[in-house]
Amino acid sequence: MKKKSSFPQTKVKNPEPKKKDEDWVIWAAWADRITFEEIKEKSGKNESEVIKIMRKNLKPGSFRLWRKRDHNTSIKHRKKFKLERKKLREKIKKTDIY
């Protein structure tokens, strides 16, 4: 039997669905490292449209959990993410000096 690739295949629990699909938007919204700006670029859906899709497709408890997680996560917005990274770098510099 011939091997398909010399690279190891990583199996993920929730593989990425096809883009331009509501399933992809839901998957990307749950992913911590994918910002709303990236979702807008790839699917054309802005933040309010993503929220509507999530509200429509998730159970009420799951939606509340996602909104709480999304609201507290600075990574979902590129501007907030850069600000948090800057604060973290400054904190690291201060601890390195002493």
PDB file of N, CA and C in Angstrom:
ATOM      1  N   MET A   1       0.840  -1.176   0.000  1.00  0.00           N
ATOM      2  CA  MET A   1       0.000   0.000   0.000  1.00  0.00           C
ATOM      3  C   MET A   1       0.888   1.244   0.000  1.00  0.00           C
ATOM      4  N   LYS A   2       0.620   2.168  -0.888  1.00  0.00           N
ATOM      5  CA  LYS A   2       1.431   3.370  -1.036  1.00  0.00           C
ATOM      6  C   LYS A   2       0.995   4.453  -0.054  1.00  0.00           C
ATOM      7  N   LYS A   3       1.998   5.107   0.518  1.00  0.00           N
ATOM      8  CA  LYS A   3       1.744   6.189   1.448  1.00  0.00           C
ATOM      9  C   LYS A   3       1.309   7.438   0.680  1.00  0.00           C
ATOM     10  N   LYS A   4       0.297   8.161   1.168  1.00  0.00           N
ATOM     11  CA  LYS A   4      -0.227   9.337   0.473  1.00  0.00           C
ATOM     12  C   LYS A   4       0.730  10.526   0.541  1.00  0.00           C
ATOM     13  N   SER A   5       1.367  10.721   1.683  1.00  0.00           N
ATOM     14  CA  SER A   5       2.188  11.902   1.872  1.00  0.00           C
ATOM     15  C   SER A   5       3.313  11.585   2.842  1.00  0.00           C
ATOM     16  N   SER A   6       4.403  12.336   2.702  1.00  0.00           N
ATOM     17  CA  SER A   6       5.506  12.149   3.636  1.00  0.00           C
ATOM     18  C   SER A   6       5.273  12.945   4.920  1.00  0.00           C
ATOM     19  N   PHE A   7       4.288  13.850   4.905  1.00  0.00           N
ATOM     20  CA  PHE A   7       3.957  14.632   6.076  1.00  0.00           C
ATOM     21  C   PHE A   7       2.917  13.899   6.915  1.00  0.00           C
ATOM     22  N   PRO A   8       3.060  13.942   8.238  1.00  0.00           N
ATOM     23  CA  PRO A   8       2.038  13.305   9.077  1.00  0.00           C
ATOM     24  C   PRO A   8       0.711  14.048   8.978  1.00  0.00           C
ATOM     25  N   GLN A   9      -0.364  13.320   9.002  1.00  0.00           N
ATOM     26  CA  GLN A   9      -1.694  13.895   8.939  1.00  0.00           C
ATOM     27  C   GLN A   9      -2.199  14.130  10.359  1.00  0.00           C
ATOM     28  N   THR A  10      -2.570  15.358  10.642  1.00  0.00           N
ATOM     29  CA  THR A  10      -3.099  15.701  11.953  1.00  0.00           C
ATOM     30  C   THR A  10      -4.613  15.613  11.902  1.00  0.00           C
ATOM     31  N   LYS A  11      -5.159  14.823  12.779  1.00  0.00           N
ATOM     32  CA  LYS A  11      -6.611  14.709  12.862  1.00  0.00           C
ATOM     33  C   LYS A  11      -7.092  15.647  13.950  1.00  0.00           C
ATOM     34  N   VAL A  12      -8.047  16.493  13.603  1.00  0.00           N
ATOM     35  CA  VAL A  12      -8.588  17.429  14.573  1.00  0.00           C
ATOM     36  C   VAL A  12     -10.000  17.013  14.946  1.00  0.00           C
ATOM     37  N   LYS A  13     -10.387  17.398  16.148  1.00  0.00           N
ATOM     38  CA  LYS A  13     -11.707  17.032  16.644  1.00  0.00           C
ATOM     39  C   LYS A  13     -12.809  17.681  15.815  1.00  0.00           C
ATOM     40  N   ASN A  14     -12.652  18.978  15.533  1.00  0.00           N
ATOM     41  CA  ASN A  14     -13.629  19.704  14.732  1.00  0.00           C
ATOM     42  C   ASN A  14     -12.933  20.256  13.491  1.00  0.00           C
ATOM     43  N   PRO A  15     -12.907  19.510  12.396  1.00  0.00           N
ATOM     44  CA  PRO A  15     -12.224  20.004  11.204  1.00  0.00           C
ATOM     45  C   PRO A  15     -12.918  21.230  10.629  1.00  0.00           C
ATOM     46  N   GLU A  16     -12.161  22.012   9.890  1.00  0.00           N
ATOM     47  CA  GLU A  16     -12.693  23.253   9.323  1.00  0.00           C
ATOM     48  C   GLU A  16     -13.686  22.946   8.210  1.00  0.00           C
ATOM     49  N   PRO A  17     -14.927  23.453   8.300  1.00  0.00           N
ATOM     50  CA  PRO A  17     -15.909  23.246   7.225  1.00  0.00           C
ATOM     51  C   PRO A  17     -15.570  24.099   6.009  1.00  0.00           C
ATOM     52  N   LYS A  18     -16.304  23.910   4.938  1.00  0.00           N
ATOM     53  CA  LYS A  18     -16.086  24.679   3.720  1.00  0.00           C
ATOM     54  C   LYS A  18     -16.453  26.146   3.962  1.00  0.00           C
ATOM     55  N   LYS A  19     -15.637  27.029   3.352  1.00  0.00           N
ATOM     56  CA  LYS A  19     -15.898  28.465   3.501  1.00  0.00           C
ATOM     57  C   LYS A  19     -17.171  28.853   2.768  1.00  0.00           C
ATOM     58  N   LYS A  20     -17.661  30.047   3.036  1.00  0.00           N
ATOM     59  CA  LYS A  20     -18.899  30.584   2.444  1.00  0.00           C
ATOM     60  C   LYS A  20     -20.134  29.819   2.912  1.00  0.00           C
ATOM     61  N   ASP A  21     -20.017  29.092   3.992  1.00  0.00           N
ATOM     62  CA  ASP A  21     -21.102  28.283   4.516  1.00  0.00           C
ATOM     63  C   ASP A  21     -21.391  28.766   5.941  1.00  0.00           C
ATOM     64  N   GLU A  22     -22.633  28.676   6.370  1.00  0.00           N
ATOM     65  CA  GLU A  22     -22.969  29.082   7.744  1.00  0.00           C
ATOM     66  C   GLU A  22     -22.204  28.250   8.765  1.00  0.00           C
ATOM     67  N   ASP A  23     -21.949  26.982   8.448  1.00  0.00           N
ATOM     68  CA  ASP A  23     -21.193  26.139   9.369  1.00  0.00           C
ATOM     69  C   ASP A  23     -19.785  26.686   9.579  1.00  0.00           C
ATOM     70  N   TRP A  24     -19.185  27.218   8.500  1.00  0.00           N
ATOM     71  CA  TRP A  24     -17.844  27.793   8.627  1.00  0.00           C
ATOM     72  C   TRP A  24     -17.889  29.033   9.509  1.00  0.00           C
ATOM     73  N   VAL A  25     -18.920  29.856   9.362  1.00  0.00           N
ATOM     74  CA  VAL A  25     -19.047  31.073  10.172  1.00  0.00           C
ATOM     75  C   VAL A  25     -19.171  30.695  11.648  1.00  0.00           C
ATOM     76  N   ILE A  26     -19.974  29.687  11.947  1.00  0.00           N
ATOM     77  CA  ILE A  26     -20.134  29.228  13.334  1.00  0.00           C
ATOM     78  C   ILE A  26     -18.810  28.683  13.864  1.00  0.00           C
ATOM     79  N   TRP A  27     -18.131  27.884  13.045  1.00  0.00           N
ATOM     80  CA  TRP A  27     -16.838  27.313  13.441  1.00  0.00           C
ATOM     81  C   TRP A  27     -15.828  28.420  13.713  1.00  0.00           C
ATOM     82  N   ALA A  28     -15.773  29.408  12.829  1.00  0.00           N
ATOM     83  CA  ALA A  28     -14.817  30.506  12.976  1.00  0.00           C
ATOM     84  C   ALA A  28     -15.159  31.390  14.170  1.00  0.00           C
ATOM     85  N   ALA A  29     -16.447  31.579  14.434  1.00  0.00           N
ATOM     86  CA  ALA A  29     -16.857  32.403  15.576  1.00  0.00           C
ATOM     87  C   ALA A  29     -16.449  31.739  16.892  1.00  0.00           C
ATOM     88  N   TRP A  30     -16.498  30.413  16.962  1.00  0.00           N
ATOM     89  CA  TRP A  30     -16.087  29.706  18.171  1.00  0.00           C
ATOM     90  C   TRP A  30     -14.572  29.691  18.323  1.00  0.00           C
ATOM     91  N   ALA A  31     -13.835  29.765  17.207  1.00  0.00           N
ATOM     92  CA  ALA A  31     -12.371  29.712  17.266  1.00  0.00           C
ATOM     93  C   ALA A  31     -11.830  31.001  17.883  1.00  0.00           C
ATOM     94  N   ASP A  32     -10.972  30.874  18.862  1.00  0.00           N
ATOM     95  CA  ASP A  32     -10.457  32.039  19.569  1.00  0.00           C
ATOM     96  C   ASP A  32      -9.525  32.885  18.716  1.00  0.00           C
ATOM     97  N   ARG A  33      -8.771  32.284  17.851  1.00  0.00           N
ATOM     98  CA  ARG A  33      -7.749  33.017  17.102  1.00  0.00           C
ATOM     99  C   ARG A  33      -8.241  33.611  15.791  1.00  0.00           C
ATOM    100  N   ILE A  34      -9.498  33.452  15.467  1.00  0.00           N
ATOM    101  CA  ILE A  34     -10.040  34.029  14.245  1.00  0.00           C
ATOM    102  C   ILE A  34     -10.835  35.274  14.616  1.00  0.00           C
ATOM    103  N   THR A  35     -10.405  36.421  14.093  1.00  0.00           N
ATOM    104  CA  THR A  35     -11.045  37.687  14.444  1.00  0.00           C
ATOM    105  C   THR A  35     -12.283  37.910  13.576  1.00  0.00           C
ATOM    106  N   PHE A  36     -13.129  38.828  14.015  1.00  0.00           N
ATOM    107  CA  PHE A  36     -14.311  39.177  13.233  1.00  0.00           C
ATOM    108  C   PHE A  36     -13.908  39.789  11.892  1.00  0.00           C
ATOM    109  N   GLU A  37     -12.766  40.477  11.868  1.00  0.00           N
ATOM    110  CA  GLU A  37     -12.282  41.054  10.612  1.00  0.00           C
ATOM    111  C   GLU A  37     -11.948  39.958   9.595  1.00  0.00           C
ATOM    112  N   GLU A  38     -11.331  38.864  10.072  1.00  0.00           N
ATOM    113  CA  GLU A  38     -11.016  37.747   9.180  1.00  0.00           C
ATOM    114  C   GLU A  38     -12.295  37.063   8.686  1.00  0.00           C
ATOM    115  N   ILE A  39     -13.276  36.939   9.560  1.00  0.00           N
ATOM    116  CA  ILE A  39     -14.554  36.356   9.160  1.00  0.00           C
ATOM    117  C   ILE A  39     -15.193  37.218   8.079  1.00  0.00           C
ATOM    118  N   LYS A  40     -15.122  38.529   8.245  1.00  0.00           N
ATOM    119  CA  LYS A  40     -15.678  39.464   7.251  1.00  0.00           C
ATOM    120  C   LYS A  40     -14.969  39.306   5.904  1.00  0.00           C
ATOM    121  N   GLU A  41     -13.632  39.189   5.934  1.00  0.00           N
ATOM    122  CA  GLU A  41     -12.859  39.033   4.705  1.00  0.00           C
ATOM    123  C   GLU A  41     -13.199  37.740   3.967  1.00  0.00           C
ATOM    124  N   LYS A  42     -13.341  36.643   4.713  1.00  0.00           N
ATOM    125  CA  LYS A  42     -13.511  35.337   4.084  1.00  0.00           C
ATOM    126  C   LYS A  42     -14.952  34.989   3.740  1.00  0.00           C
ATOM    127  N   SER A  43     -15.909  35.491   4.550  1.00  0.00           N
ATOM    128  CA  SER A  43     -17.305  35.106   4.305  1.00  0.00           C
ATOM    129  C   SER A  43     -18.195  36.281   3.916  1.00  0.00           C
ATOM    130  N   GLY A  44     -17.736  37.501   4.158  1.00  0.00           N
ATOM    131  CA  GLY A  44     -18.547  38.666   3.838  1.00  0.00           C
ATOM    132  C   GLY A  44     -19.552  39.018   4.921  1.00  0.00           C
ATOM    133  N   LYS A  45     -19.529  38.323   6.051  1.00  0.00           N
ATOM    134  CA  LYS A  45     -20.461  38.579   7.156  1.00  0.00           C
ATOM    135  C   LYS A  45     -19.789  39.472   8.196  1.00  0.00           C
ATOM    136  N   ASN A  46     -20.456  40.568   8.569  1.00  0.00           N
ATOM    137  CA  ASN A  46     -19.886  41.423   9.608  1.00  0.00           C
ATOM    138  C   ASN A  46     -20.265  40.873  10.984  1.00  0.00           C
ATOM    139  N   GLU A  47     -19.814  41.557  12.032  1.00  0.00           N
ATOM    140  CA  GLU A  47     -20.012  41.053  13.391  1.00  0.00           C
ATOM    141  C   GLU A  47     -21.487  40.878  13.746  1.00  0.00           C
ATOM    142  N   SER A  48     -22.331  41.832  13.396  1.00  0.00           N
ATOM    143  CA  SER A  48     -23.750  41.721  13.749  1.00  0.00           C
ATOM    144  C   SER A  48     -24.413  40.562  12.998  1.00  0.00           C
ATOM    145  N   GLU A  49     -24.001  40.300  11.764  1.00  0.00           N
ATOM    146  CA  GLU A  49     -24.555  39.162  11.019  1.00  0.00           C
ATOM    147  C   GLU A  49     -24.094  37.842  11.629  1.00  0.00           C
ATOM    148  N   VAL A  50     -22.836  37.815  12.100  1.00  0.00           N
ATOM    149  CA  VAL A  50     -22.325  36.603  12.763  1.00  0.00           C
ATOM    150  C   VAL A  50     -23.122  36.347  14.037  1.00  0.00           C
ATOM    151  N   ILE A  51     -23.405  37.392  14.792  1.00  0.00           N
ATOM    152  CA  ILE A  51     -24.185  37.246  16.032  1.00  0.00           C
ATOM    153  C   ILE A  51     -25.578  36.702  15.716  1.00  0.00           C
ATOM    154  N   LYS A  52     -26.209  37.210  14.657  1.00  0.00           N
ATOM    155  CA  LYS A  52     -27.536  36.714  14.268  1.00  0.00           C
ATOM    156  C   LYS A  52     -27.479  35.238  13.876  1.00  0.00           C
ATOM    157  N   ILE A  53     -26.443  34.853  13.125  1.00  0.00           N
ATOM    158  CA  ILE A  53     -26.288  33.442  12.724  1.00  0.00           C
ATOM    159  C   ILE A  53     -26.108  32.566  13.953  1.00  0.00           C
ATOM    160  N   MET A  54     -25.279  33.027  14.884  1.00  0.00           N
ATOM    161  CA  MET A  54     -25.033  32.251  16.103  1.00  0.00           C
ATOM    162  C   MET A  54     -26.313  32.133  16.936  1.00  0.00           C
ATOM    163  N   ARG A  55     -27.061  33.217  17.049  1.00  0.00           N
ATOM    164  CA  ARG A  55     -28.306  33.193  17.823  1.00  0.00           C
ATOM    165  C   ARG A  55     -29.305  32.218  17.201  1.00  0.00           C
ATOM    166  N   LYS A  56     -29.357  32.193  15.868  1.00  0.00           N
ATOM    167  CA  LYS A  56     -30.319  31.347  15.165  1.00  0.00           C
ATOM    168  C   LYS A  56     -29.952  29.857  15.250  1.00  0.00           C
ATOM    169  N   ASN A  57     -28.663  29.544  15.238  1.00  0.00           N
ATOM    170  CA  ASN A  57     -28.238  28.157  15.127  1.00  0.00           C
ATOM    171  C   ASN A  57     -27.835  27.493  16.444  1.00  0.00           C
ATOM    172  N   LEU A  58     -27.576  28.275  17.480  1.00  0.00           N
ATOM    173  CA  LEU A  58     -27.170  27.688  18.751  1.00  0.00           C
ATOM    174  C   LEU A  58     -28.341  27.627  19.720  1.00  0.00           C
ATOM    175  N   LYS A  59     -28.228  26.726  20.683  1.00  0.00           N
ATOM    176  CA  LYS A  59     -29.195  26.697  21.770  1.00  0.00           C
ATOM    177  C   LYS A  59     -29.001  27.966  22.600  1.00  0.00           C
ATOM    178  N   PRO A  60     -30.050  28.419  23.301  1.00  0.00           N
ATOM    179  CA  PRO A  60     -29.919  29.664  24.075  1.00  0.00           C
ATOM    180  C   PRO A  60     -28.745  29.665  25.064  1.00  0.00           C
ATOM    181  N   GLY A  61     -28.539  28.561  25.752  1.00  0.00           N
ATOM    182  CA  GLY A  61     -27.431  28.485  26.715  1.00  0.00           C
ATOM    183  C   GLY A  61     -26.074  28.541  26.028  1.00  0.00           C
ATOM    184  N   SER A  62     -25.957  27.866  24.894  1.00  0.00           N
ATOM    185  CA  SER A  62     -24.705  27.881  24.136  1.00  0.00           C
ATOM    186  C   SER A  62     -24.430  29.273  23.590  1.00  0.00           C
ATOM    187  N   PHE A  63     -25.485  29.950  23.143  1.00  0.00           N
ATOM    188  CA  PHE A  63     -25.314  31.309  22.634  1.00  0.00           C
ATOM    189  C   PHE A  63     -24.833  32.240  23.740  1.00  0.00           C
ATOM    190  N   ARG A  64     -25.440  32.149  24.921  1.00  0.00           N
ATOM    191  CA  ARG A  64     -25.019  32.993  26.045  1.00  0.00           C
ATOM    192  C   ARG A  64     -23.566  32.714  26.423  1.00  0.00           C
ATOM    193  N   LEU A  65     -23.193  31.445  26.438  1.00  0.00           N
ATOM    194  CA  LEU A  65     -21.818  31.058  26.744  1.00  0.00           C
ATOM    195  C   LEU A  65     -20.858  31.648  25.711  1.00  0.00           C
ATOM    196  N   TRP A  66     -21.221  31.557  24.421  1.00  0.00           N
ATOM    197  CA  TRP A  66     -20.376  32.103  23.362  1.00  0.00           C
ATOM    198  C   TRP A  66     -20.250  33.622  23.494  1.00  0.00           C
ATOM    199  N   ARG A  67     -21.371  34.324  23.746  1.00  0.00           N
ATOM    200  CA  ARG A  67     -21.328  35.777  23.873  1.00  0.00           C
ATOM    201  C   ARG A  67     -20.476  36.208  25.072  1.00  0.00           C
ATOM    202  N   LYS A  68     -20.591  35.484  26.164  1.00  0.00           N
ATOM    203  CA  LYS A  68     -19.791  35.803  27.343  1.00  0.00           C
ATOM    204  C   LYS A  68     -18.312  35.601  27.029  1.00  0.00           C
ATOM    205  N   ARG A  69     -18.002  34.503  26.378  1.00  0.00           N
ATOM    206  CA  ARG A  69     -16.625  34.191  26.008  1.00  0.00           C
ATOM    207  C   ARG A  69     -16.110  35.188  24.972  1.00  0.00           C
ATOM    208  N   ASP A  70     -16.938  35.507  24.004  1.00  0.00           N
ATOM    209  CA  ASP A  70     -16.573  36.440  22.947  1.00  0.00           C
ATOM    210  C   ASP A  70     -16.356  37.842  23.504  1.00  0.00           C
ATOM    211  N   HIS A  71     -17.215  38.251  24.412  1.00  0.00           N
ATOM    212  CA  HIS A  71     -17.126  39.592  24.989  1.00  0.00           C
ATOM    213  C   HIS A  71     -15.864  39.752  25.833  1.00  0.00           C
ATOM    214  N   ASN A  72     -15.469  38.699  26.532  1.00  0.00           N
ATOM    215  CA  ASN A  72     -14.297  38.761  27.404  1.00  0.00           C
ATOM    216  C   ASN A  72     -12.993  38.488  26.667  1.00  0.00           C
ATOM    217  N   THR A  73     -13.065  38.015  25.443  1.00  0.00           N
ATOM    218  CA  THR A  73     -11.864  37.681  24.689  1.00  0.00           C
ATOM    219  C   THR A  73     -11.452  38.865  23.834  1.00  0.00           C
ATOM    220  N   SER A  74     -10.270  39.379  24.094  1.00  0.00           N
ATOM    221  CA  SER A  74      -9.811  40.538  23.333  1.00  0.00           C
ATOM    222  C   SER A  74      -9.341  40.139  21.941  1.00  0.00           C
ATOM    223  N   ILE A  75      -9.137  38.875  21.719  1.00  0.00           N
ATOM    224  CA  ILE A  75      -8.575  38.400  20.459  1.00  0.00           C
ATOM    225  C   ILE A  75      -9.575  38.503  19.305  1.00  0.00           C
ATOM    226  N   LYS A  76     -10.870  38.496  19.580  1.00  0.00           N
ATOM    227  CA  LYS A  76     -11.866  38.501  18.505  1.00  0.00           C
ATOM    228  C   LYS A  76     -11.883  39.798  17.707  1.00  0.00           C
ATOM    229  N   HIS A  77     -11.300  40.859  18.245  1.00  0.00           N
ATOM    230  CA  HIS A  77     -11.194  42.121  17.519  1.00  0.00           C
ATOM    231  C   HIS A  77      -9.714  42.446  17.342  1.00  0.00           C
ATOM    232  N   ARG A  78      -9.315  42.666  16.107  1.00  0.00           N
ATOM    233  CA  ARG A  78      -7.898  42.877  15.800  1.00  0.00           C
ATOM    234  C   ARG A  78      -7.307  44.051  16.583  1.00  0.00           C
ATOM    235  N   LYS A  79      -8.039  45.149  16.702  1.00  0.00           N
ATOM    236  CA  LYS A  79      -7.537  46.326  17.398  1.00  0.00           C
ATOM    237  C   LYS A  79      -7.302  46.024  18.881  1.00  0.00           C
ATOM    238  N   LYS A  80      -8.270  45.358  19.523  1.00  0.00           N
ATOM    239  CA  LYS A  80      -8.115  44.990  20.935  1.00  0.00           C
ATOM    240  C   LYS A  80      -6.965  44.005  21.109  1.00  0.00           C
ATOM    241  N   PHE A  81      -6.830  43.091  20.156  1.00  0.00           N
ATOM    242  CA  PHE A  81      -5.777  42.081  20.228  1.00  0.00           C
ATOM    243  C   PHE A  81      -4.405  42.756  20.207  1.00  0.00           C
ATOM    244  N   LYS A  82      -4.216  43.715  19.297  1.00  0.00           N
ATOM    245  CA  LYS A  82      -2.931  44.406  19.216  1.00  0.00           C
ATOM    246  C   LYS A  82      -2.645  45.189  20.482  1.00  0.00           C
ATOM    247  N   LEU A  83      -3.672  45.806  21.059  1.00  0.00           N
ATOM    248  CA  LEU A  83      -3.501  46.558  22.293  1.00  0.00           C
ATOM    249  C   LEU A  83      -3.091  45.631  23.447  1.00  0.00           C
ATOM    250  N   GLU A  84      -3.751  44.483  23.553  1.00  0.00           N
ATOM    251  CA  GLU A  84      -3.422  43.521  24.608  1.00  0.00           C
ATOM    252  C   GLU A  84      -1.997  42.996  24.446  1.00  0.00           C
ATOM    253  N   ARG A  85      -1.594  42.732  23.196  1.00  0.00           N
ATOM    254  CA  ARG A  85      -0.235  42.247  22.937  1.00  0.00           C
ATOM    255  C   ARG A  85       0.795  43.302  23.350  1.00  0.00           C
ATOM    256  N   LYS A  86       0.482  44.563  23.064  1.00  0.00           N
ATOM    257  CA  LYS A  86       1.379  45.652  23.425  1.00  0.00           C
ATOM    258  C   LYS A  86       1.530  45.735  24.943  1.00  0.00           C
ATOM    259  N   LYS A  87       0.422  45.627  25.671  1.00  0.00           N
ATOM    260  CA  LYS A  87       0.465  45.655  27.135  1.00  0.00           C
ATOM    261  C   LYS A  87       1.285  44.480  27.666  1.00  0.00           C
ATOM    262  N   LEU A  88       1.110  43.321  27.068  1.00  0.00           N
ATOM    263  CA  LEU A  88       1.833  42.132  27.501  1.00  0.00           C
ATOM    264  C   LEU A  88       3.334  42.298  27.279  1.00  0.00           C
ATOM    265  N   ARG A  89       3.718  42.838  26.115  1.00  0.00           N
ATOM    266  CA  ARG A  89       5.143  43.070  25.832  1.00  0.00           C
ATOM    267  C   ARG A  89       5.748  44.054  26.837  1.00  0.00           C
ATOM    268  N   GLU A  90       5.011  45.107  27.151  1.00  0.00           N
ATOM    269  CA  GLU A  90       5.506  46.086  28.124  1.00  0.00           C
ATOM    270  C   GLU A  90       5.677  45.452  29.499  1.00  0.00           C
ATOM    271  N   LYS A  91       4.753  44.605  29.886  1.00  0.00           N
ATOM    272  CA  LYS A  91       4.830  43.921  31.171  1.00  0.00           C
ATOM    273  C   LYS A  91       6.048  43.001  31.217  1.00  0.00           C
ATOM    274  N   ILE A  92       6.299  42.307  30.109  1.00  0.00           N
ATOM    275  CA  ILE A  92       7.452  41.404  30.039  1.00  0.00           C
ATOM    276  C   ILE A  92       8.754  42.200  30.117  1.00  0.00           C
ATOM    277  N   LYS A  93       8.810  43.330  29.418  1.00  0.00           N
ATOM    278  CA  LYS A  93      10.008  44.175  29.472  1.00  0.00           C
ATOM    279  C   LYS A  93      10.296  44.638  30.886  1.00  0.00           C
ATOM    280  N   LYS A  94       9.243  45.025  31.618  1.00  0.00           N
ATOM    281  CA  LYS A  94       9.413  45.498  33.003  1.00  0.00           C
ATOM    282  C   LYS A  94       9.973  44.393  33.877  1.00  0.00           C
ATOM    283  N   THR A  95       9.504  43.164  33.698  1.00  0.00           N
ATOM    284  CA  THR A  95       9.993  42.071  34.536  1.00  0.00           C
ATOM    285  C   THR A  95      11.407  41.656  34.141  1.00  0.00           C
ATOM    286  N   ASP A  96      11.798  41.846  32.887  1.00  0.00           N
ATOM    287  CA  ASP A  96      13.150  41.510  32.429  1.00  0.00           C
ATOM    288  C   ASP A  96      14.178  42.492  32.967  1.00  0.00           C
ATOM    289  N   ILE A  97      13.785  43.730  33.191  1.00  0.00           N
ATOM    290  CA  ILE A  97      14.700  44.767  33.648  1.00  0.00           C
ATOM    291  C   ILE A  97      15.137  44.479  35.081  1.00  0.00           C
ATOM    292  N   TYR A  98      14.235  44.018  35.901  1.00  0.00           N
ATOM    293  CA  TYR A  98      14.542  43.807  37.320  1.00  0.00           C
ATOM    294  C   TYR A  98      15.184  42.496  37.581  1.00  0.00           C
TER     295      TYR A  98
END
